[in-house]
Amino acid sequence: MTVLIFAGLTLLFAPIFAPITWWLATRELRRIEVGIAAPEHITELKIFRIVGIVMTVLMIGSLLAVALMFALFFVGAAIAGGTLHA
């Protein structure tokens, strides 16, 4: 199961794999609904899809927080340096 590998990578090493985990689990669940794939791992796939969703949201939130910190740092440095007047 490729989804299992990406879910493990998402949880242990890099949340960058979270959207891939989400996509792979959703794709496999659709294949089960249509009848192409066997429904033997449906519970795990649902869990992996939720893990992918949660980790994707956390990753996006973290990136936005880092961008905000950089923006505030540069604005603060510009004000302290005298290039911007408050």
PDB file of N, CA and C in Angstrom:
ATOM      1  N   MET A   1       0.836  -1.181   0.000  1.00  0.00           N
ATOM      2  CA  MET A   1       0.000   0.000   0.000  1.00  0.00           C
ATOM      3  C   MET A   1       0.877   1.238   0.000  1.00  0.00           C
ATOM      4  N   THR A   2       0.834   1.953  -1.060  1.00  0.00           N
ATOM      5  CA  THR A   2       1.602   3.191  -1.187  1.00  0.00           C
ATOM      6  C   THR A   2       1.109   4.241  -0.201  1.00  0.00           C
ATOM      7  N   VAL A   3      -0.176   4.235   0.095  1.00  0.00           N
ATOM      8  CA  VAL A   3      -0.735   5.212   1.026  1.00  0.00           C
ATOM      9  C   VAL A   3      -0.104   5.053   2.398  1.00  0.00           C
ATOM     10  N   LEU A   4       0.148   3.828   2.821  1.00  0.00           N
ATOM     11  CA  LEU A   4       0.762   3.572   4.115  1.00  0.00           C
ATOM     12  C   LEU A   4       2.153   4.189   4.192  1.00  0.00           C
ATOM     13  N   ILE A   5       2.910   4.077   3.144  1.00  0.00           N
ATOM     14  CA  ILE A   5       4.261   4.650   3.110  1.00  0.00           C
ATOM     15  C   ILE A   5       4.202   6.162   3.236  1.00  0.00           C
ATOM     16  N   PHE A   6       3.325   6.797   2.465  1.00  0.00           N
ATOM     17  CA  PHE A   6       3.229   8.254   2.527  1.00  0.00           C
ATOM     18  C   PHE A   6       2.657   8.733   3.863  1.00  0.00           C
ATOM     19  N   ALA A   7       1.740   7.977   4.458  1.00  0.00           N
ATOM     20  CA  ALA A   7       1.213   8.344   5.776  1.00  0.00           C
ATOM     21  C   ALA A   7       2.321   8.277   6.822  1.00  0.00           C
ATOM     22  N   GLY A   8       3.147   7.261   6.745  1.00  0.00           N
ATOM     23  CA  GLY A   8       4.278   7.161   7.658  1.00  0.00           C
ATOM     24  C   GLY A   8       5.268   8.297   7.478  1.00  0.00           C
ATOM     25  N   LEU A   9       5.564   8.617   6.237  1.00  0.00           N
ATOM     26  CA  LEU A   9       6.472   9.741   5.969  1.00  0.00           C
ATOM     27  C   LEU A   9       5.879  11.053   6.468  1.00  0.00           C
ATOM     28  N   THR A  10       4.573  11.218   6.307  1.00  0.00           N
ATOM     29  CA  THR A  10       3.907  12.437   6.755  1.00  0.00           C
ATOM     30  C   THR A  10       4.017  12.582   8.261  1.00  0.00           C
ATOM     31  N   LEU A  11       3.747  11.524   8.992  1.00  0.00           N
ATOM     32  CA  LEU A  11       3.752  11.604  10.452  1.00  0.00           C
ATOM     33  C   LEU A  11       5.160  11.664  11.037  1.00  0.00           C
ATOM     34  N   LEU A  12       6.107  10.970  10.433  1.00  0.00           N
ATOM     35  CA  LEU A  12       7.425  10.864  11.031  1.00  0.00           C
ATOM     36  C   LEU A  12       8.413  11.932  10.562  1.00  0.00           C
ATOM     37  N   PHE A  13       8.385  12.265   9.290  1.00  0.00           N
ATOM     38  CA  PHE A  13       9.463  13.098   8.759  1.00  0.00           C
ATOM     39  C   PHE A  13       9.015  14.440   8.195  1.00  0.00           C
ATOM     40  N   ALA A  14       8.130  14.410   7.226  1.00  0.00           N
ATOM     41  CA  ALA A  14       7.856  15.644   6.499  1.00  0.00           C
ATOM     42  C   ALA A  14       6.369  15.792   6.189  1.00  0.00           C
ATOM     43  N   PRO A  15       5.747  16.844   6.696  1.00  0.00           N
ATOM     44  CA  PRO A  15       4.345  17.066   6.378  1.00  0.00           C
ATOM     45  C   PRO A  15       4.113  17.435   4.914  1.00  0.00           C
ATOM     46  N   ILE A  16       5.176  17.607   4.151  1.00  0.00           N
ATOM     47  CA  ILE A  16       5.028  17.924   2.731  1.00  0.00           C
ATOM     48  C   ILE A  16       4.352  16.759   1.999  1.00  0.00           C
ATOM     49  N   PHE A  17       4.415  15.570   2.574  1.00  0.00           N
ATOM     50  CA  PHE A  17       3.764  14.413   1.960  1.00  0.00           C
ATOM     51  C   PHE A  17       2.278  14.317   2.307  1.00  0.00           C
ATOM     52  N   ALA A  18       1.770  15.193   3.153  1.00  0.00           N
ATOM     53  CA  ALA A  18       0.374  15.139   3.592  1.00  0.00           C
ATOM     54  C   ALA A  18      -0.622  15.265   2.441  1.00  0.00           C
ATOM     55  N   PRO A  19      -0.457  16.230   1.523  1.00  0.00           N
ATOM     56  CA  PRO A  19      -1.421  16.304   0.418  1.00  0.00           C
ATOM     57  C   PRO A  19      -1.397  15.050  -0.465  1.00  0.00           C
ATOM     58  N   ILE A  20      -0.221  14.441  -0.611  1.00  0.00           N
ATOM     59  CA  ILE A  20      -0.120  13.218  -1.413  1.00  0.00           C
ATOM     60  C   ILE A  20      -0.852  12.079  -0.708  1.00  0.00           C
ATOM     61  N   THR A  21      -0.688  11.986   0.615  1.00  0.00           N
ATOM     62  CA  THR A  21      -1.391  10.968   1.394  1.00  0.00           C
ATOM     63  C   THR A  21      -2.897  11.149   1.279  1.00  0.00           C
ATOM     64  N   TRP A  22      -3.351  12.389   1.408  1.00  0.00           N
ATOM     65  CA  TRP A  22      -4.770  12.716   1.300  1.00  0.00           C
ATOM     66  C   TRP A  22      -5.301  12.282  -0.070  1.00  0.00           C
ATOM     67  N   TRP A  23      -4.584  12.645  -1.111  1.00  0.00           N
ATOM     68  CA  TRP A  23      -5.013  12.339  -2.476  1.00  0.00           C
ATOM     69  C   TRP A  23      -5.029  10.825  -2.738  1.00  0.00           C
ATOM     70  N   LEU A  24      -3.966  10.135  -2.320  1.00  0.00           N
ATOM     71  CA  LEU A  24      -3.898   8.694  -2.559  1.00  0.00           C
ATOM     72  C   LEU A  24      -4.999   7.946  -1.806  1.00  0.00           C
ATOM     73  N   ALA A  25      -5.246   8.321  -0.566  1.00  0.00           N
ATOM     74  CA  ALA A  25      -6.291   7.652   0.216  1.00  0.00           C
ATOM     75  C   ALA A  25      -7.666   7.909  -0.383  1.00  0.00           C
ATOM     76  N   THR A  26      -7.926   9.134  -0.802  1.00  0.00           N
ATOM     77  CA  THR A  26      -9.215   9.458  -1.421  1.00  0.00           C
ATOM     78  C   THR A  26      -9.394   8.695  -2.721  1.00  0.00           C
ATOM     79  N   ARG A  27      -8.337   8.620  -3.507  1.00  0.00           N
ATOM     80  CA  ARG A  27      -8.409   7.890  -4.776  1.00  0.00           C
ATOM     81  C   ARG A  27      -8.696   6.408  -4.549  1.00  0.00           C
ATOM     82  N   GLU A  28      -8.039   5.827  -3.553  1.00  0.00           N
ATOM     83  CA  GLU A  28      -8.250   4.412  -3.270  1.00  0.00           C
ATOM     84  C   GLU A  28      -9.658   4.162  -2.713  1.00  0.00           C
ATOM     85  N   LEU A  29     -10.163   5.078  -1.888  1.00  0.00           N
ATOM     86  CA  LEU A  29     -11.531   4.936  -1.381  1.00  0.00           C
ATOM     87  C   LEU A  29     -12.555   5.009  -2.513  1.00  0.00           C
ATOM     88  N   ARG A  30     -12.298   5.863  -3.486  1.00  0.00           N
ATOM     89  CA  ARG A  30     -13.194   5.929  -4.656  1.00  0.00           C
ATOM     90  C   ARG A  30     -13.146   4.623  -5.449  1.00  0.00           C
ATOM     91  N   ARG A  31     -11.963   4.039  -5.573  1.00  0.00           N
ATOM     92  CA  ARG A  31     -11.841   2.755  -6.280  1.00  0.00           C
ATOM     93  C   ARG A  31     -12.604   1.657  -5.547  1.00  0.00           C
ATOM     94  N   ILE A  32     -12.630   1.710  -4.222  1.00  0.00           N
ATOM     95  CA  ILE A  32     -13.389   0.736  -3.443  1.00  0.00           C
ATOM     96  C   ILE A  32     -14.885   0.946  -3.648  1.00  0.00           C
ATOM     97  N   GLU A  33     -15.335   2.212  -3.648  1.00  0.00           N
ATOM     98  CA  GLU A  33     -16.753   2.501  -3.850  1.00  0.00           C
ATOM     99  C   GLU A  33     -17.247   2.014  -5.208  1.00  0.00           C
ATOM    100  N   VAL A  34     -16.421   2.156  -6.231  1.00  0.00           N
ATOM    101  CA  VAL A  34     -16.798   1.738  -7.578  1.00  0.00           C
ATOM    102  C   VAL A  34     -16.749   0.217  -7.713  1.00  0.00           C
ATOM    103  N   GLY A  35     -15.921  -0.424  -6.903  1.00  0.00           N
ATOM    104  CA  GLY A  35     -15.810  -1.875  -6.963  1.00  0.00           C
ATOM    105  C   GLY A  35     -14.556  -2.366  -7.646  1.00  0.00           C
ATOM    106  N   ILE A  36     -13.636  -1.466  -7.934  1.00  0.00           N
ATOM    107  CA  ILE A  36     -12.386  -1.844  -8.591  1.00  0.00           C
ATOM    108  C   ILE A  36     -11.426  -2.482  -7.592  1.00  0.00           C
ATOM    109  N   ALA A  37     -11.363  -1.928  -6.383  1.00  0.00           N
ATOM    110  CA  ALA A  37     -10.438  -2.416  -5.359  1.00  0.00           C
ATOM    111  C   ALA A  37     -11.212  -3.154  -4.268  1.00  0.00           C
ATOM    112  N   ALA A  38     -10.516  -4.051  -3.582  1.00  0.00           N
ATOM    113  CA  ALA A  38     -11.125  -4.808  -2.487  1.00  0.00           C
ATOM    114  C   ALA A  38     -11.222  -3.933  -1.233  1.00  0.00           C
ATOM    115  N   PRO A  39     -12.313  -4.038  -0.502  1.00  0.00           N
ATOM    116  CA  PRO A  39     -12.517  -3.175   0.675  1.00  0.00           C
ATOM    117  C   PRO A  39     -11.856  -3.693   1.958  1.00  0.00           C
ATOM    118  N   GLU A  40     -10.741  -4.380   1.850  1.00  0.00           N
ATOM    119  CA  GLU A  40     -10.128  -4.983   3.031  1.00  0.00           C
ATOM    120  C   GLU A  40      -9.423  -3.973   3.933  1.00  0.00           C
ATOM    121  N   HIS A  41      -8.992  -2.831   3.400  1.00  0.00           N
ATOM    122  CA  HIS A  41      -8.268  -1.832   4.198  1.00  0.00           C
ATOM    123  C   HIS A  41      -9.020  -0.512   4.261  1.00  0.00           C
ATOM    124  N   ILE A  42     -10.333  -0.563   4.239  1.00  0.00           N
ATOM    125  CA  ILE A  42     -11.116   0.673   4.161  1.00  0.00           C
ATOM    126  C   ILE A  42     -10.957   1.528   5.423  1.00  0.00           C
ATOM    127  N   THR A  43     -10.866   0.901   6.593  1.00  0.00           N
ATOM    128  CA  THR A  43     -10.705   1.665   7.834  1.00  0.00           C
ATOM    129  C   THR A  43      -9.373   2.398   7.857  1.00  0.00           C
ATOM    130  N   GLU A  44      -8.304   1.710   7.464  1.00  0.00           N
ATOM    131  CA  GLU A  44      -6.998   2.357   7.427  1.00  0.00           C
ATOM    132  C   GLU A  44      -6.974   3.503   6.431  1.00  0.00           C
ATOM    133  N   LEU A  45      -7.609   3.313   5.293  1.00  0.00           N
ATOM    134  CA  LEU A  45      -7.637   4.366   4.283  1.00  0.00           C
ATOM    135  C   LEU A  45      -8.378   5.599   4.776  1.00  0.00           C
ATOM    136  N   LYS A  46      -9.458   5.391   5.502  1.00  0.00           N
ATOM    137  CA  LYS A  46     -10.187   6.541   6.066  1.00  0.00           C
ATOM    138  C   LYS A  46      -9.319   7.282   7.075  1.00  0.00           C
ATOM    139  N   ILE A  47      -8.582   6.532   7.884  1.00  0.00           N
ATOM    140  CA  ILE A  47      -7.681   7.157   8.857  1.00  0.00           C
ATOM    141  C   ILE A  47      -6.569   7.919   8.136  1.00  0.00           C
ATOM    142  N   PHE A  48      -5.990   7.322   7.107  1.00  0.00           N
ATOM    143  CA  PHE A  48      -4.914   7.985   6.362  1.00  0.00           C
ATOM    144  C   PHE A  48      -5.423   9.257   5.690  1.00  0.00           C
ATOM    145  N   ARG A  49      -6.664   9.228   5.197  1.00  0.00           N
ATOM    146  CA  ARG A  49      -7.219  10.432   4.572  1.00  0.00           C
ATOM    147  C   ARG A  49      -7.368  11.540   5.611  1.00  0.00           C
ATOM    148  N   ILE A  50      -7.830  11.199   6.806  1.00  0.00           N
ATOM    149  CA  ILE A  50      -7.969  12.202   7.864  1.00  0.00           C
ATOM    150  C   ILE A  50      -6.601  12.728   8.283  1.00  0.00           C
ATOM    151  N   VAL A  51      -5.614  11.843   8.394  1.00  0.00           N
ATOM    152  CA  VAL A  51      -4.248  12.279   8.716  1.00  0.00           C
ATOM    153  C   VAL A  51      -3.743  13.246   7.644  1.00  0.00           C
ATOM    154  N   GLY A  52      -3.979  12.927   6.383  1.00  0.00           N
ATOM    155  CA  GLY A  52      -3.553  13.812   5.300  1.00  0.00           C
ATOM    156  C   GLY A  52      -4.218  15.167   5.365  1.00  0.00           C
ATOM    157  N   ILE A  53      -5.513  15.194   5.662  1.00  0.00           N
ATOM    158  CA  ILE A  53      -6.235  16.468   5.756  1.00  0.00           C
ATOM    159  C   ILE A  53      -5.694  17.308   6.906  1.00  0.00           C
ATOM    160  N   VAL A  54      -5.572  16.692   8.088  1.00  0.00           N
ATOM    161  CA  VAL A  54      -5.121  17.426   9.276  1.00  0.00           C
ATOM    162  C   VAL A  54      -3.697  17.945   9.088  1.00  0.00           C
ATOM    163  N   MET A  55      -2.812  17.109   8.585  1.00  0.00           N
ATOM    164  CA  MET A  55      -1.424  17.537   8.407  1.00  0.00           C
ATOM    165  C   MET A  55      -1.288  18.598   7.313  1.00  0.00           C
ATOM    166  N   THR A  56      -2.130  18.526   6.281  1.00  0.00           N
ATOM    167  CA  THR A  56      -2.110  19.566   5.250  1.00  0.00           C
ATOM    168  C   THR A  56      -2.532  20.910   5.831  1.00  0.00           C
ATOM    169  N   VAL A  57      -3.594  20.910   6.636  1.00  0.00           N
ATOM    170  CA  VAL A  57      -4.048  22.153   7.266  1.00  0.00           C
ATOM    171  C   VAL A  57      -2.975  22.701   8.197  1.00  0.00           C
ATOM    172  N   LEU A  58      -2.351  21.831   8.985  1.00  0.00           N
ATOM    173  CA  LEU A  58      -1.285  22.286   9.884  1.00  0.00           C
ATOM    174  C   LEU A  58      -0.086  22.828   9.110  1.00  0.00           C
ATOM    175  N   MET A  59       0.251  22.181   8.000  1.00  0.00           N
ATOM    176  CA  MET A  59       1.374  22.645   7.193  1.00  0.00           C
ATOM    177  C   MET A  59       1.086  24.033   6.612  1.00  0.00           C
ATOM    178  N   ILE A  60      -0.114  24.230   6.081  1.00  0.00           N
ATOM    179  CA  ILE A  60      -0.472  25.534   5.504  1.00  0.00           C
ATOM    180  C   ILE A  60      -0.486  26.599   6.596  1.00  0.00           C
ATOM    181  N   GLY A  61      -1.033  26.262   7.771  1.00  0.00           N
ATOM    182  CA  GLY A  61      -1.026  27.221   8.878  1.00  0.00           C
ATOM    183  C   GLY A  61       0.379  27.587   9.313  1.00  0.00           C
ATOM    184  N   SER A  62       1.261  26.621   9.347  1.00  0.00           N
ATOM    185  CA  SER A  62       2.657  26.884   9.722  1.00  0.00           C
ATOM    186  C   SER A  62       3.343  27.781   8.705  1.00  0.00           C
ATOM    187  N   LEU A  63       3.110  27.518   7.433  1.00  0.00           N
ATOM    188  CA  LEU A  63       3.712  28.360   6.398  1.00  0.00           C
ATOM    189  C   LEU A  63       3.198  29.795   6.475  1.00  0.00           C
ATOM    190  N   LEU A  64       1.907  29.955   6.739  1.00  0.00           N
ATOM    191  CA  LEU A  64       1.356  31.306   6.886  1.00  0.00           C
ATOM    192  C   LEU A  64       1.925  32.008   8.115  1.00  0.00           C
ATOM    193  N   ALA A  65       2.119  31.268   9.215  1.00  0.00           N
ATOM    194  CA  ALA A  65       2.699  31.856  10.424  1.00  0.00           C
ATOM    195  C   ALA A  65       4.137  32.301  10.181  1.00  0.00           C
ATOM    196  N   VAL A  66       4.902  31.500   9.482  1.00  0.00           N
ATOM    197  CA  VAL A  66       6.292  31.872   9.177  1.00  0.00           C
ATOM    198  C   VAL A  66       6.326  33.098   8.265  1.00  0.00           C
ATOM    199  N   ALA A  67       5.445  33.147   7.278  1.00  0.00           N
ATOM    200  CA  ALA A  67       5.385  34.315   6.386  1.00  0.00           C
ATOM    201  C   ALA A  67       5.021  35.568   7.167  1.00  0.00           C
ATOM    202  N   LEU A  68       4.084  35.451   8.102  1.00  0.00           N
ATOM    203  CA  LEU A  68       3.700  36.599   8.923  1.00  0.00           C
ATOM    204  C   LEU A  68       4.857  37.051   9.804  1.00  0.00           C
ATOM    205  N   MET A  69       5.601  36.116  10.380  1.00  0.00           N
ATOM    206  CA  MET A  69       6.753  36.484  11.214  1.00  0.00           C
ATOM    207  C   MET A  69       7.814  37.217  10.400  1.00  0.00           C
ATOM    208  N   PHE A  70       8.087  36.750   9.186  1.00  0.00           N
ATOM    209  CA  PHE A  70       9.059  37.439   8.342  1.00  0.00           C
ATOM    210  C   PHE A  70       8.572  38.831   7.980  1.00  0.00           C
ATOM    211  N   ALA A  71       7.312  38.963   7.661  1.00  0.00           N
ATOM    212  CA  ALA A  71       6.771  40.274   7.309  1.00  0.00           C
ATOM    213  C   ALA A  71       6.878  41.233   8.488  1.00  0.00           C
ATOM    214  N   LEU A  72       6.510  40.769   9.680  1.00  0.00           N
ATOM    215  CA  LEU A  72       6.602  41.627  10.865  1.00  0.00           C
ATOM    216  C   LEU A  72       8.048  41.969  11.189  1.00  0.00           C
ATOM    217  N   PHE A  73       8.956  41.047  10.987  1.00  0.00           N
ATOM    218  CA  PHE A  73      10.372  41.317  11.232  1.00  0.00           C
ATOM    219  C   PHE A  73      10.879  42.416  10.307  1.00  0.00           C
ATOM    220  N   PHE A  74      10.565  42.316   9.019  1.00  0.00           N
ATOM    221  CA  PHE A  74      11.070  43.303   8.073  1.00  0.00           C
ATOM    222  C   PHE A  74      10.421  44.668   8.271  1.00  0.00           C
ATOM    223  N   VAL A  75       9.157  44.697   8.630  1.00  0.00           N
ATOM    224  CA  VAL A  75       8.504  45.983   8.917  1.00  0.00           C
ATOM    225  C   VAL A  75       9.112  46.589  10.179  1.00  0.00           C
ATOM    226  N   GLY A  76       9.325  45.766  11.201  1.00  0.00           N
ATOM    227  CA  GLY A  76       9.951  46.265  12.432  1.00  0.00           C
ATOM    228  C   GLY A  76      11.362  46.760  12.198  1.00  0.00           C
ATOM    229  N   ALA A  77      12.113  46.039  11.366  1.00  0.00           N
ATOM    230  CA  ALA A  77      13.482  46.464  11.068  1.00  0.00           C
ATOM    231  C   ALA A  77      13.480  47.760  10.278  1.00  0.00           C
ATOM    232  N   ALA A  78      12.519  47.913   9.374  1.00  0.00           N
ATOM    233  CA  ALA A  78      12.445  49.150   8.588  1.00  0.00           C
ATOM    234  C   ALA A  78      12.074  50.330   9.475  1.00  0.00           C
ATOM    235  N   ILE A  79      11.170  50.131  10.419  1.00  0.00           N
ATOM    236  CA  ILE A  79      10.794  51.209  11.336  1.00  0.00           C
ATOM    237  C   ILE A  79      11.969  51.556  12.242  1.00  0.00           C
ATOM    238  N   ALA A  80      12.652  50.556  12.770  1.00  0.00           N
ATOM    239  CA  ALA A  80      13.796  50.808  13.682  1.00  0.00           C
ATOM    240  C   ALA A  80      14.959  51.433  12.933  1.00  0.00           C
ATOM    241  N   GLY A  81      15.115  51.105  11.666  1.00  0.00           N
ATOM    242  CA  GLY A  81      16.200  51.653  10.876  1.00  0.00           C
ATOM    243  C   GLY A  81      15.930  53.060  10.380  1.00  0.00           C
ATOM    244  N   GLY A  82      14.717  53.522  10.502  1.00  0.00           N
ATOM    245  CA  GLY A  82      14.378  54.875  10.109  1.00  0.00           C
ATOM    246  C   GLY A  82      13.908  55.007   8.677  1.00  0.00           C
ATOM    247  N   THR A  83      13.732  53.921   7.952  1.00  0.00           N
ATOM    248  CA  THR A  83      13.264  54.053   6.575  1.00  0.00           C
ATOM    249  C   THR A  83      11.750  54.205   6.484  1.00  0.00           C
ATOM    250  N   LEU A  84      11.045  53.744   7.517  1.00  0.00           N
ATOM    251  CA  LEU A  84       9.601  53.944   7.594  1.00  0.00           C
ATOM    252  C   LEU A  84       9.302  54.792   8.827  1.00  0.00           C
ATOM    253  N   HIS A  85       8.344  55.662   8.720  1.00  0.00           N
ATOM    254  CA  HIS A  85       7.970  56.512   9.857  1.00  0.00           C
ATOM    255  C   HIS A  85       6.622  56.071  10.377  1.00  0.00           C
ATOM    256  N   ALA A  86       6.591  55.738  11.660  1.00  0.00           N
ATOM    257  CA  ALA A  86       5.343  55.277  12.273  1.00  0.00           C
ATOM    258  C   ALA A  86       4.462  56.433  12.672  1.00  0.00           C
TER     259      ALA A  86
END
